[in-house]
PDB file of N, CA and C in Angstrom:
ATOM      1  N   MET A   1       6.236   4.138   8.568  1.00  0.00           N
ATOM      2  CA  MET A   1       5.631   3.020   9.259  1.00  0.00           C
ATOM      3  C   MET A   1       5.681   1.796   8.357  1.00  0.00           C
ATOM      4  N   GLY A   2       4.546   1.165   8.166  1.00  0.00           N
ATOM      5  CA  GLY A   2       4.473   0.034   7.272  1.00  0.00           C
ATOM      6  C   GLY A   2       4.530  -1.287   8.018  1.00  0.00           C
ATOM      7  N   GLY A   3       4.622  -2.364   7.276  1.00  0.00           N
ATOM      8  CA  GLY A   3       4.688  -3.686   7.863  1.00  0.00           C
ATOM      9  C   GLY A   3       3.325  -4.313   7.994  1.00  0.00           C
ATOM     10  N   ILE A   4       3.373  -5.609   8.187  1.00  0.00           N
ATOM     11  CA  ILE A   4       2.136  -6.384   8.211  1.00  0.00           C
ATOM     12  C   ILE A   4       1.273  -6.076   9.431  1.00  0.00           C
ATOM     13  N   SER A   5       1.898  -5.843  10.598  1.00  0.00           N
ATOM     14  CA  SER A   5       1.088  -5.550  11.791  1.00  0.00           C
ATOM     15  C   SER A   5       0.384  -4.206  11.648  1.00  0.00           C
ATOM     16  N   GLU A   6       1.061  -3.211  11.060  1.00  0.00           N
ATOM     17  CA  GLU A   6       0.441  -1.907  10.821  1.00  0.00           C
ATOM     18  C   GLU A   6      -0.690  -2.036   9.811  1.00  0.00           C
ATOM     19  N   PHE A   7      -0.490  -2.863   8.791  1.00  0.00           N
ATOM     20  CA  PHE A   7      -1.529  -3.109   7.784  1.00  0.00           C
ATOM     21  C   PHE A   7      -2.798  -3.628   8.454  1.00  0.00           C
ATOM     22  N   PHE A   8      -2.655  -4.645   9.301  1.00  0.00           N
ATOM     23  CA  PHE A   8      -3.831  -5.217   9.954  1.00  0.00           C
ATOM     24  C   PHE A   8      -4.456  -4.250  10.952  1.00  0.00           C
ATOM     25  N   LYS A   9      -3.641  -3.463  11.622  1.00  0.00           N
ATOM     26  CA  LYS A   9      -4.189  -2.487  12.568  1.00  0.00           C
ATOM     27  C   LYS A   9      -5.042  -1.465  11.822  1.00  0.00           C
ATOM     28  N   VAL A  10      -4.526  -0.942  10.737  1.00  0.00           N
ATOM     29  CA  VAL A  10      -5.249   0.061   9.952  1.00  0.00           C
ATOM     30  C   VAL A  10      -6.481  -0.561   9.295  1.00  0.00           C
ATOM     31  N   MET A  11      -6.354  -1.789   8.808  1.00  0.00           N
ATOM     32  CA  MET A  11      -7.443  -2.431   8.084  1.00  0.00           C
ATOM     33  C   MET A  11      -8.511  -3.011   9.004  1.00  0.00           C
ATOM     34  N   SER A  12      -8.308  -2.932  10.315  1.00  0.00           N
ATOM     35  CA  SER A  12      -9.314  -3.452  11.244  1.00  0.00           C
ATOM     36  C   SER A  12     -10.568  -2.579  11.270  1.00  0.00           C
ATOM     37  N   ASP A  13     -10.499  -1.405  10.673  1.00  0.00           N
ATOM     38  CA  ASP A  13     -11.666  -0.535  10.568  1.00  0.00           C
ATOM     39  C   ASP A  13     -12.358  -0.789   9.227  1.00  0.00           C
ATOM     40  N   GLU A  14     -13.671  -1.056   9.263  1.00  0.00           N
ATOM     41  CA  GLU A  14     -14.406  -1.400   8.042  1.00  0.00           C
ATOM     42  C   GLU A  14     -14.358  -0.297   6.994  1.00  0.00           C
ATOM     43  N   THR A  15     -14.457   0.957   7.403  1.00  0.00           N
ATOM     44  CA  THR A  15     -14.441   2.053   6.430  1.00  0.00           C
ATOM     45  C   THR A  15     -13.104   2.116   5.709  1.00  0.00           C
ATOM     46  N   ARG A  16     -12.010   1.961   6.443  1.00  0.00           N
ATOM     47  CA  ARG A  16     -10.691   1.981   5.793  1.00  0.00           C
ATOM     48  C   ARG A  16     -10.525   0.788   4.858  1.00  0.00           C
ATOM     49  N   LEU A  17     -11.025  -0.374   5.263  1.00  0.00           N
ATOM     50  CA  LEU A  17     -10.979  -1.545   4.389  1.00  0.00           C
ATOM     51  C   LEU A  17     -11.746  -1.275   3.107  1.00  0.00           C
ATOM     52  N   ARG A  18     -12.936  -0.718   3.242  1.00  0.00           N
ATOM     53  CA  ARG A  18     -13.763  -0.412   2.066  1.00  0.00           C
ATOM     54  C   ARG A  18     -13.053   0.577   1.139  1.00  0.00           C
ATOM     55  N   ILE A  19     -12.437   1.595   1.726  1.00  0.00           N
ATOM     56  CA  ILE A  19     -11.713   2.588   0.917  1.00  0.00           C
ATOM     57  C   ILE A  19     -10.562   1.927   0.176  1.00  0.00           C
ATOM     58  N   LEU A  20      -9.778   1.120   0.872  1.00  0.00           N
ATOM     59  CA  LEU A  20      -8.624   0.497   0.232  1.00  0.00           C
ATOM     60  C   LEU A  20      -9.045  -0.452  -0.887  1.00  0.00           C
ATOM     61  N   VAL A  21     -10.124  -1.192  -0.687  1.00  0.00           N
ATOM     62  CA  VAL A  21     -10.610  -2.090  -1.738  1.00  0.00           C
ATOM     63  C   VAL A  21     -11.036  -1.287  -2.962  1.00  0.00           C
ATOM     64  N   LEU A  22     -11.755  -0.194  -2.757  1.00  0.00           N
ATOM     65  CA  LEU A  22     -12.146   0.651  -3.895  1.00  0.00           C
ATOM     66  C   LEU A  22     -10.924   1.216  -4.607  1.00  0.00           C
ATOM     67  N   LEU A  23      -9.969   1.718  -3.832  1.00  0.00           N
ATOM     68  CA  LEU A  23      -8.782   2.314  -4.439  1.00  0.00           C
ATOM     69  C   LEU A  23      -7.901   1.273  -5.130  1.00  0.00           C
ATOM     70  N   SER A  24      -8.065   0.009  -4.751  1.00  0.00           N
ATOM     71  CA  SER A  24      -7.297  -1.039  -5.435  1.00  0.00           C
ATOM     72  C   SER A  24      -7.783  -1.221  -6.869  1.00  0.00           C
ATOM     73  N   GLN A  25      -8.984  -0.716  -7.157  1.00  0.00           N
ATOM     74  CA  GLN A  25      -9.561  -0.846  -8.492  1.00  0.00           C
ATOM     75  C   GLN A  25      -9.366   0.401  -9.343  1.00  0.00           C
ATOM     76  N   LYS A  26      -9.327   1.579  -8.682  1.00  0.00           N
ATOM     77  CA  LYS A  26      -9.258   2.834  -9.430  1.00  0.00           C
ATOM     78  C   LYS A  26      -8.874   3.959  -8.485  1.00  0.00           C
ATOM     79  N   GLU A  27      -8.030   4.860  -8.960  1.00  0.00           N
ATOM     80  CA  GLU A  27      -7.757   6.042  -8.130  1.00  0.00           C
ATOM     81  C   GLU A  27      -9.026   6.871  -8.075  1.00  0.00           C
ATOM     82  N   MET A  28      -9.241   7.507  -6.929  1.00  0.00           N
ATOM     83  CA  MET A  28     -10.486   8.235  -6.725  1.00  0.00           C
ATOM     84  C   MET A  28     -10.234   9.486  -5.908  1.00  0.00           C
ATOM     85  N   CYS A  29     -11.134  10.458  -6.039  1.00  0.00           N
ATOM     86  CA  CYS A  29     -11.080  11.654  -5.200  1.00  0.00           C
ATOM     87  C   CYS A  29     -12.013  11.457  -4.004  1.00  0.00           C
ATOM     88  N   VAL A  30     -11.899  12.339  -3.025  1.00  0.00           N
ATOM     89  CA  VAL A  30     -12.686  12.219  -1.797  1.00  0.00           C
ATOM     90  C   VAL A  30     -14.180  12.214  -2.083  1.00  0.00           C
ATOM     91  N   CYS A  31     -14.633  13.081  -2.984  1.00  0.00           N
ATOM     92  CA  CYS A  31     -16.073  13.155  -3.258  1.00  0.00           C
ATOM     93  C   CYS A  31     -16.597  11.830  -3.806  1.00  0.00           C
ATOM     94  N   GLU A  32     -15.797  11.137  -4.616  1.00  0.00           N
ATOM     95  CA  GLU A  32     -16.225   9.844  -5.150  1.00  0.00           C
ATOM     96  C   GLU A  32     -16.310   8.798  -4.037  1.00  0.00           C
ATOM     97  N   ILE A  33     -15.326   8.808  -3.153  1.00  0.00           N
ATOM     98  CA  ILE A  33     -15.325   7.854  -2.042  1.00  0.00           C
ATOM     99  C   ILE A  33     -16.527   8.110  -1.134  1.00  0.00           C
ATOM    100  N   CYS A  34     -16.785   9.376  -0.839  1.00  0.00           N
ATOM    101  CA  CYS A  34     -17.949   9.735  -0.020  1.00  0.00           C
ATOM    102  C   CYS A  34     -19.227   9.204  -0.645  1.00  0.00           C
ATOM    103  N   ASP A  35     -19.376   9.398  -1.946  1.00  0.00           N
ATOM    104  CA  ASP A  35     -20.564   8.942  -2.658  1.00  0.00           C
ATOM    105  C   ASP A  35     -20.675   7.420  -2.627  1.00  0.00           C
ATOM    106  N   MET A  36     -19.573   6.740  -2.877  1.00  0.00           N
ATOM    107  CA  MET A  36     -19.586   5.273  -2.906  1.00  0.00           C
ATOM    108  C   MET A  36     -19.984   4.687  -1.553  1.00  0.00           C
ATOM    109  N   LEU A  37     -19.437   5.258  -0.491  1.00  0.00           N
ATOM    110  CA  LEU A  37     -19.626   4.686   0.845  1.00  0.00           C
ATOM    111  C   LEU A  37     -20.780   5.320   1.606  1.00  0.00           C
ATOM    112  N   ASN A  38     -21.316   6.411   1.057  1.00  0.00           N
ATOM    113  CA  ASN A  38     -22.362   7.168   1.749  1.00  0.00           C
ATOM    114  C   ASN A  38     -21.882   7.596   3.141  1.00  0.00           C
ATOM    115  N   VAL A  39     -20.698   8.204   3.147  1.00  0.00           N
ATOM    116  CA  VAL A  39     -20.028   8.640   4.374  1.00  0.00           C
ATOM    117  C   VAL A  39     -19.642  10.104   4.182  1.00  0.00           C
ATOM    118  N   SER A  40     -19.634  10.872   5.268  1.00  0.00           N
ATOM    119  CA  SER A  40     -19.327  12.301   5.183  1.00  0.00           C
ATOM    120  C   SER A  40     -17.876  12.551   4.770  1.00  0.00           C
ATOM    121  N   GLN A  41     -17.649  13.712   4.174  1.00  0.00           N
ATOM    122  CA  GLN A  41     -16.301  14.090   3.723  1.00  0.00           C
ATOM    123  C   GLN A  41     -15.297  14.142   4.869  1.00  0.00           C
ATOM    124  N   PRO A  42     -15.629  14.733   6.021  1.00  0.00           N
ATOM    125  CA  PRO A  42     -14.639  14.747   7.110  1.00  0.00           C
ATOM    126  C   PRO A  42     -14.245  13.336   7.570  1.00  0.00           C
ATOM    127  N   LYS A  43     -15.215  12.434   7.612  1.00  0.00           N
ATOM    128  CA  LYS A  43     -14.908  11.064   8.034  1.00  0.00           C
ATOM    129  C   LYS A  43     -14.007  10.375   7.018  1.00  0.00           C
ATOM    130  N   VAL A  44     -14.311  10.520   5.749  1.00  0.00           N
ATOM    131  CA  VAL A  44     -13.479   9.917   4.702  1.00  0.00           C
ATOM    132  C   VAL A  44     -12.073  10.506   4.755  1.00  0.00           C
ATOM    133  N   SER A  45     -11.966  11.813   4.923  1.00  0.00           N
ATOM    134  CA  SER A  45     -10.650  12.461   4.990  1.00  0.00           C
ATOM    135  C   SER A  45      -9.825  11.951   6.167  1.00  0.00           C
ATOM    136  N   ARG A  46     -10.469  11.749   7.317  1.00  0.00           N
ATOM    137  CA  ARG A  46      -9.755  11.200   8.488  1.00  0.00           C
ATOM    138  C   ARG A  46      -9.230   9.799   8.201  1.00  0.00           C
ATOM    139  N   HIS A  47     -10.059   8.974   7.557  1.00  0.00           N
ATOM    140  CA  HIS A  47      -9.630   7.611   7.234  1.00  0.00           C
ATOM    141  C   HIS A  47      -8.515   7.613   6.190  1.00  0.00           C
ATOM    142  N   LEU A  48      -8.619   8.496   5.211  1.00  0.00           N
ATOM    143  CA  LEU A  48      -7.553   8.587   4.213  1.00  0.00           C
ATOM    144  C   LEU A  48      -6.244   9.037   4.855  1.00  0.00           C
ATOM    145  N   ALA A  49      -6.321   9.928   5.831  1.00  0.00           N
ATOM    146  CA  ALA A  49      -5.108  10.374   6.537  1.00  0.00           C
ATOM    147  C   ALA A  49      -4.447   9.196   7.247  1.00  0.00           C
ATOM    148  N   LYS A  50      -5.233   8.339   7.871  1.00  0.00           N
ATOM    149  CA  LYS A  50      -4.670   7.157   8.534  1.00  0.00           C
ATOM    150  C   LYS A  50      -4.045   6.208   7.520  1.00  0.00           C
ATOM    151  N   LEU A  51      -4.701   6.034   6.380  1.00  0.00           N
ATOM    152  CA  LEU A  51      -4.148   5.185   5.326  1.00  0.00           C
ATOM    153  C   LEU A  51      -2.857   5.775   4.763  1.00  0.00           C
ATOM    154  N   ARG A  52      -2.807   7.097   4.626  1.00  0.00           N
ATOM    155  CA  ARG A  52      -1.580   7.770   4.174  1.00  0.00           C
ATOM    156  C   ARG A  52      -0.471   7.620   5.204  1.00  0.00           C
ATOM    157  N   ASP A  53      -0.813   7.827   6.482  1.00  0.00           N
ATOM    158  CA  ASP A  53       0.187   7.706   7.547  1.00  0.00           C
ATOM    159  C   ASP A  53       0.797   6.309   7.589  1.00  0.00           C
ATOM    160  N   ALA A  54       0.002   5.307   7.258  1.00  0.00           N
ATOM    161  CA  ALA A  54       0.485   3.927   7.226  1.00  0.00           C
ATOM    162  C   ALA A  54       1.167   3.607   5.895  1.00  0.00           C
ATOM    163  N   ASP A  55       1.236   4.589   5.006  1.00  0.00           N
ATOM    164  CA  ASP A  55       1.852   4.462   3.688  1.00  0.00           C
ATOM    165  C   ASP A  55       1.146   3.424   2.809  1.00  0.00           C
ATOM    166  N   LEU A  56      -0.162   3.277   3.009  1.00  0.00           N
ATOM    167  CA  LEU A  56      -0.943   2.348   2.192  1.00  0.00           C
ATOM    168  C   LEU A  56      -1.583   3.039   1.004  1.00  0.00           C
ATOM    169  N   VAL A  57      -1.768   4.351   1.090  1.00  0.00           N
ATOM    170  CA  VAL A  57      -2.261   5.129  -0.047  1.00  0.00           C
ATOM    171  C   VAL A  57      -1.388   6.374  -0.209  1.00  0.00           C
ATOM    172  N   ARG A  58      -1.426   6.880  -1.398  1.00  0.00           N
ATOM    173  CA  ARG A  58      -0.761   8.147  -1.718  1.00  0.00           C
ATOM    174  C   ARG A  58      -1.762   9.012  -2.446  1.00  0.00           C
ATOM    175  N   ASP A  59      -1.399  10.282  -2.596  1.00  0.00           N
ATOM    176  CA  ASP A  59      -2.302  11.180  -3.316  1.00  0.00           C
ATOM    177  C   ASP A  59      -1.534  11.998  -4.330  1.00  0.00           C
ATOM    178  N   VAL A  60      -2.272  12.467  -5.305  1.00  0.00           N
ATOM    179  CA  VAL A  60      -1.732  13.373  -6.310  1.00  0.00           C
ATOM    180  C   VAL A  60      -2.742  14.503  -6.459  1.00  0.00           C
ATOM    181  N   ARG A  61      -2.248  15.721  -6.432  1.00  0.00           N
ATOM    182  CA  ARG A  61      -3.116  16.894  -6.528  1.00  0.00           C
ATOM    183  C   ARG A  61      -3.184  17.355  -7.972  1.00  0.00           C
ATOM    184  N   GLN A  62      -4.405  17.723  -8.359  1.00  0.00           N
ATOM    185  CA  GLN A  62      -4.611  18.287  -9.688  1.00  0.00           C
ATOM    186  C   GLN A  62      -5.637  19.392  -9.552  1.00  0.00           C
ATOM    187  N   GLY A  63      -5.149  20.627  -9.525  1.00  0.00           N
ATOM    188  CA  GLY A  63      -6.034  21.763  -9.319  1.00  0.00           C
ATOM    189  C   GLY A  63      -6.694  21.664  -7.966  1.00  0.00           C
ATOM    190  N   GLN A  64      -8.017  21.748  -7.936  1.00  0.00           N
ATOM    191  CA  GLN A  64      -8.763  21.661  -6.677  1.00  0.00           C
ATOM    192  C   GLN A  64      -8.975  20.222  -6.218  1.00  0.00           C
ATOM    193  N   TRP A  65      -8.632  19.258  -7.051  1.00  0.00           N
ATOM    194  CA  TRP A  65      -8.885  17.851  -6.755  1.00  0.00           C
ATOM    195  C   TRP A  65      -7.652  17.182  -6.161  1.00  0.00           C
ATOM    196  N   VAL A  66      -7.899  16.222  -5.294  1.00  0.00           N
ATOM    197  CA  VAL A  66      -6.850  15.349  -4.780  1.00  0.00           C
ATOM    198  C   VAL A  66      -7.297  13.926  -5.064  1.00  0.00           C
ATOM    199  N   PHE A  67      -6.503  13.208  -5.837  1.00  0.00           N
ATOM    200  CA  PHE A  67      -6.820  11.830  -6.192  1.00  0.00           C
ATOM    201  C   PHE A  67      -5.955  10.889  -5.362  1.00  0.00           C
ATOM    202  N   TYR A  68      -6.573   9.838  -4.846  1.00  0.00           N
ATOM    203  CA  TYR A  68      -5.897   8.866  -3.985  1.00  0.00           C
ATOM    204  C   TYR A  68      -5.744   7.551  -4.729  1.00  0.00           C
ATOM    205  N   TYR A  69      -4.650   6.852  -4.437  1.00  0.00           N
ATOM    206  CA  TYR A  69      -4.406   5.548  -5.047  1.00  0.00           C
ATOM    207  C   TYR A  69      -3.642   4.660  -4.068  1.00  0.00           C
ATOM    208  N   VAL A  70      -3.734   3.355  -4.285  1.00  0.00           N
ATOM    209  CA  VAL A  70      -3.091   2.374  -3.409  1.00  0.00           C
ATOM    210  C   VAL A  70      -1.586   2.432  -3.608  1.00  0.00           C
ATOM    211  N   ASN A  71      -0.867   2.318  -2.506  1.00  0.00           N
ATOM    212  CA  ASN A  71       0.590   2.310  -2.518  1.00  0.00           C
ATOM    213  C   ASN A  71       1.069   1.081  -1.740  1.00  0.00           C
ATOM    214  N   LEU A  72       0.986  -0.073  -2.357  1.00  0.00           N
ATOM    215  CA  LEU A  72       1.432  -1.293  -1.697  1.00  0.00           C
ATOM    216  C   LEU A  72       2.670  -1.829  -2.404  1.00  0.00           C
ATOM    217  N   ASN A  73       3.829  -1.461  -1.884  1.00  0.00           N
ATOM    218  CA  ASN A  73       5.089  -1.931  -2.453  1.00  0.00           C
ATOM    219  C   ASN A  73       5.496  -3.279  -1.876  1.00  0.00           C
ATOM    220  N   ASP A  74       4.919  -3.641  -0.741  1.00  0.00           N
ATOM    221  CA  ASP A  74       5.209  -4.914  -0.090  1.00  0.00           C
ATOM    222  C   ASP A  74       4.372  -5.997  -0.754  1.00  0.00           C
ATOM    223  N   GLY A  75       5.022  -7.027  -1.292  1.00  0.00           N
ATOM    224  CA  GLY A  75       4.321  -8.097  -2.000  1.00  0.00           C
ATOM    225  C   GLY A  75       3.310  -8.833  -1.142  1.00  0.00           C
ATOM    226  N   THR A  76       3.619  -9.025   0.133  1.00  0.00           N
ATOM    227  CA  THR A  76       2.698  -9.721   1.034  1.00  0.00           C
ATOM    228  C   THR A  76       1.430  -8.911   1.231  1.00  0.00           C
ATOM    229  N   LEU A  77       1.587  -7.602   1.488  1.00  0.00           N
ATOM    230  CA  LEU A  77       0.423  -6.744   1.693  1.00  0.00           C
ATOM    231  C   LEU A  77      -0.415  -6.658   0.423  1.00  0.00           C
ATOM    232  N   SER A  78       0.255  -6.567  -0.691  1.00  0.00           N
ATOM    233  CA  SER A  78      -0.441  -6.517  -1.974  1.00  0.00           C
ATOM    234  C   SER A  78      -1.238  -7.800  -2.196  1.00  0.00           C
ATOM    235  N   GLU A  79      -0.635  -8.940  -1.881  1.00  0.00           N
ATOM    236  CA  GLU A  79      -1.343 -10.219  -2.055  1.00  0.00           C
ATOM    237  C   GLU A  79      -2.524 -10.342  -1.097  1.00  0.00           C
ATOM    238  N   LEU A  80      -2.386  -9.844   0.144  1.00  0.00           N
ATOM    239  CA  LEU A  80      -3.509  -9.862   1.083  1.00  0.00           C
ATOM    240  C   LEU A  80      -4.691  -9.072   0.537  1.00  0.00           C
ATOM    241  N   LEU A  81      -4.414  -7.897  -0.020  1.00  0.00           N
ATOM    242  CA  LEU A  81      -5.487  -7.092  -0.601  1.00  0.00           C
ATOM    243  C   LEU A  81      -6.083  -7.798  -1.816  1.00  0.00           C
ATOM    244  N   ASN A  82      -5.244  -8.420  -2.633  1.00  0.00           N
ATOM    245  CA  ASN A  82      -5.744  -9.159  -3.801  1.00  0.00           C
ATOM    246  C   ASN A  82      -6.643 -10.328  -3.391  1.00  0.00           C
ATOM    247  N   ILE A  83      -6.303 -11.006  -2.297  1.00  0.00           N
ATOM    248  CA  ILE A  83      -7.132 -12.110  -1.804  1.00  0.00           C
ATOM    249  C   ILE A  83      -8.508 -11.587  -1.412  1.00  0.00           C
ATOM    250  N   ILE A  84      -8.537 -10.454  -0.727  1.00  0.00           N
ATOM    251  CA  ILE A  84      -9.826  -9.859  -0.337  1.00  0.00           C
ATOM    252  C   ILE A  84     -10.648  -9.532  -1.577  1.00  0.00           C
ATOM    253  N   VAL A  85     -10.019  -8.905  -2.556  1.00  0.00           N
ATOM    254  CA  VAL A  85     -10.728  -8.509  -3.777  1.00  0.00           C
ATOM    255  C   VAL A  85     -11.209  -9.736  -4.553  1.00  0.00           C
ATOM    256  N   ARG A  86     -10.368 -10.762  -4.648  1.00  0.00           N
ATOM    257  CA  ARG A  86     -10.762 -11.981  -5.381  1.00  0.00           C
ATOM    258  C   ARG A  86     -11.947 -12.680  -4.716  1.00  0.00           C
ATOM    259  N   ASN A  87     -12.101 -12.501  -3.416  1.00  0.00           N
ATOM    260  CA  ASN A  87     -13.176 -13.158  -2.666  1.00  0.00           C
ATOM    261  C   ASN A  87     -14.269 -12.176  -2.254  1.00  0.00           C
ATOM    262  N   ILE A  88     -14.427 -11.133  -3.031  1.00  0.00           N
ATOM    263  CA  ILE A  88     -15.347 -10.049  -2.683  1.00  0.00           C
ATOM    264  C   ILE A  88     -16.789 -10.523  -2.551  1.00  0.00           C
ATOM    265  N   ASN A  89     -17.165 -11.567  -3.281  1.00  0.00           N
ATOM    266  CA  ASN A  89     -18.540 -12.068  -3.221  1.00  0.00           C
ATOM    267  C   ASN A  89     -18.905 -12.626  -1.855  1.00  0.00           C
ATOM    268  N   GLU A  90     -17.920 -12.919  -1.036  1.00  0.00           N
ATOM    269  CA  GLU A  90     -18.171 -13.437   0.311  1.00  0.00           C
ATOM    270  C   GLU A  90     -18.404 -12.319   1.324  1.00  0.00           C
ATOM    271  N   HIS A  91     -18.269 -11.078   0.889  1.00  0.00           N
ATOM    272  CA  HIS A  91     -18.377  -9.925   1.789  1.00  0.00           C
ATOM    273  C   HIS A  91     -19.387  -8.935   1.214  1.00  0.00           C
ATOM    274  N   PRO A  92     -20.642  -9.016   1.657  1.00  0.00           N
ATOM    275  CA  PRO A  92     -21.726  -8.224   1.050  1.00  0.00           C
ATOM    276  C   PRO A  92     -21.460  -6.720   0.976  1.00  0.00           C
ATOM    277  N   VAL A  93     -20.886  -6.129   1.999  1.00  0.00           N
ATOM    278  CA  VAL A  93     -20.643  -4.682   1.978  1.00  0.00           C
ATOM    279  C   VAL A  93     -19.621  -4.338   0.896  1.00  0.00           C
ATOM    280  N   LEU A  94     -18.542  -5.103   0.837  1.00  0.00           N
ATOM    281  CA  LEU A  94     -17.519  -4.855  -0.187  1.00  0.00           C
ATOM    282  C   LEU A  94     -18.062  -5.139  -1.584  1.00  0.00           C
ATOM    283  N   LYS A  95     -18.854  -6.176  -1.701  1.00  0.00           N
ATOM    284  CA  LYS A  95     -19.469  -6.525  -2.995  1.00  0.00           C
ATOM    285  C   LYS A  95     -20.362  -5.380  -3.473  1.00  0.00           C
ATOM    286  N   ASN A  96     -21.151  -4.812  -2.564  1.00  0.00           N
ATOM    287  CA  ASN A  96     -22.019  -3.693  -2.910  1.00  0.00           C
ATOM    288  C   ASN A  96     -21.196  -2.473  -3.339  1.00  0.00           C
ATOM    289  N   ASP A  97     -20.116  -2.197  -2.615  1.00  0.00           N
ATOM    290  CA  ASP A  97     -19.237  -1.077  -2.988  1.00  0.00           C
ATOM    291  C   ASP A  97     -18.686  -1.277  -4.393  1.00  0.00           C
ATOM    292  N   MET A  98     -18.243  -2.492  -4.686  1.00  0.00           N
ATOM    293  CA  MET A  98     -17.661  -2.774  -5.996  1.00  0.00           C
ATOM    294  C   MET A  98     -18.710  -2.632  -7.086  1.00  0.00           C
ATOM    295  N   HIS A  99     -19.932  -3.080  -6.795  1.00  0.00           N
ATOM    296  CA  HIS A  99     -21.026  -2.948  -7.757  1.00  0.00           C
ATOM    297  C   HIS A  99     -21.285  -1.465  -8.060  1.00  0.00           C
ATOM    298  N   LYS A 100     -21.306  -0.631  -7.015  1.00  0.00           N
ATOM    299  CA  LYS A 100     -21.521   0.807  -7.208  1.00  0.00           C
ATOM    300  C   LYS A 100     -20.375   1.425  -8.019  1.00  0.00           C
ATOM    301  N   LEU A 101     -19.157   0.983  -7.767  1.00  0.00           N
ATOM    302  CA  LEU A 101     -18.022   1.503  -8.520  1.00  0.00           C
ATOM    303  C   LEU A 101     -18.140   1.156  -9.997  1.00  0.00           C
ATOM    304  N   VAL A 102     -18.433  -0.098 -10.286  1.00  0.00           N
ATOM    305  CA  VAL A 102     -18.578  -0.534 -11.681  1.00  0.00           C
ATOM    306  C   VAL A 102     -19.709   0.232 -12.361  1.00  0.00           C
ATOM    307  N   GLU A 103     -20.806   0.413 -11.649  1.00  0.00           N
ATOM    308  CA  GLU A 103     -21.945   1.157 -12.184  1.00  0.00           C
ATOM    309  C   GLU A 103     -21.564   2.610 -12.483  1.00  0.00           C
ATOM    310  N   ASN A 104     -20.871   3.260 -11.556  1.00  0.00           N
ATOM    311  CA  ASN A 104     -20.474   4.652 -11.766  1.00  0.00           C
ATOM    312  C   ASN A 104     -19.462   4.793 -12.899  1.00  0.00           C
ATOM    313  N   ILE A 105     -18.582   3.815 -13.038  1.00  0.00           N
ATOM    314  CA  ILE A 105     -17.627   3.846 -14.155  1.00  0.00           C
ATOM    315  C   ILE A 105     -18.380   3.703 -15.470  1.00  0.00           C
ATOM    316  N   SER A 106     -19.300   2.746 -15.536  1.00  0.00           N
ATOM    317  CA  SER A 106     -20.029   2.513 -16.793  1.00  0.00           C
ATOM    318  C   SER A 106     -20.915   3.702 -17.172  1.00  0.00           C
ATOM    319  N   GLN A 107     -21.382   4.444 -16.164  1.00  0.00           N
ATOM    320  CA  GLN A 107     -22.222   5.609 -16.431  1.00  0.00           C
ATOM    321  C   GLN A 107     -21.400   6.901 -16.500  1.00  0.00           C
ATOM    322  N   ASP A 108     -20.074   6.768 -16.467  1.00  0.00           N
ATOM    323  CA  ASP A 108     -19.157   7.898 -16.569  1.00  0.00           C
ATOM    324  C   ASP A 108     -19.463   8.975 -15.517  1.00  0.00           C
ATOM    325  N   LYS A 109     -19.677   8.540 -14.275  1.00  0.00           N
ATOM    326  CA  LYS A 109     -20.040   9.459 -13.189  1.00  0.00           C
ATOM    327  C   LYS A 109     -18.852   9.843 -12.309  1.00  0.00           C
ATOM    328  N   LEU A 110     -17.657   9.414 -12.669  1.00  0.00           N
ATOM    329  CA  LEU A 110     -16.508   9.664 -11.808  1.00  0.00           C
ATOM    330  C   LEU A 110     -15.693  10.851 -12.290  1.00  0.00           C
ATOM    331  N   CYS A 111     -14.996  11.470 -11.351  1.00  0.00           N
ATOM    332  CA  CYS A 111     -14.125  12.595 -11.684  1.00  0.00           C
ATOM    333  C   CYS A 111     -13.004  12.100 -12.586  1.00  0.00           C
ATOM    334  N   LYS A 112     -12.533  12.958 -13.421  1.00  0.00           N
ATOM    335  CA  LYS A 112     -11.473  12.599 -14.354  1.00  0.00           C
ATOM    336  C   LYS A 112     -10.195  13.349 -13.996  1.00  0.00           C
ATOM    337  N   ARG A 113      -9.112  12.586 -13.914  1.00  0.00           N
ATOM    338  CA  ARG A 113      -7.804  13.195 -13.684  1.00  0.00           C
ATOM    339  C   ARG A 113      -7.109  13.273 -15.032  1.00  0.00           C
ATOM    340  N   VAL A 114      -6.618  14.442 -15.346  1.00  0.00           N
ATOM    341  CA  VAL A 114      -5.886  14.637 -16.594  1.00  0.00           C
ATOM    342  C   VAL A 114      -4.419  14.377 -16.305  1.00  0.00           C
ATOM    343  N   VAL A 115      -3.840  13.425 -17.006  1.00  0.00           N
ATOM    344  CA  VAL A 115      -2.438  13.094 -16.806  1.00  0.00           C
ATOM    345  C   VAL A 115      -1.602  14.001 -17.690  1.00  0.00           C
ATOM    346  N   ASN A 116      -0.676  14.710 -17.064  1.00  0.00           N
ATOM    347  CA  ASN A 116       0.227  15.598 -17.779  1.00  0.00           C
ATOM    348  C   ASN A 116       1.443  14.790 -18.193  1.00  0.00           C
ATOM    349  N   LEU A 117       1.589  14.557 -19.476  1.00  0.00           N
ATOM    350  CA  LEU A 117       2.687  13.721 -19.987  1.00  0.00           C
ATOM    351  C   LEU A 117       3.943  14.520 -20.299  1.00  0.00           C
ATOM    352  N   SER A 118       3.914  15.820 -20.129  1.00  0.00           N
ATOM    353  CA  SER A 118       5.110  16.604 -20.450  1.00  0.00           C
ATOM    354  C   SER A 118       6.069  16.676 -19.287  1.00  0.00           C
TER     355      SER A 118
END
């Protein structure tokens, strides 16, 4: 899929927008996203599936964990997401999500992915 119209269609849902903004800052597992958004695991998984289908996120499996990250190869789509992030203070829900993410990072509350360099 892909393209700007697909991006806007997928991003028209607030939960998917919130997930993509969080993932633009750090790769995360489902449990972290659930905690950040205070949303159930099945709901987060459904939204991540839509984001994957639109090729906006990808995942990497490590043992029992699946970590998700942003996959924006299109410069326009990447810039649109960057504009949202740069103006996060104008969007209270996104600002709150970002605050929780920064807090959890500083308190070392997030899952750790071990990168295999071999």
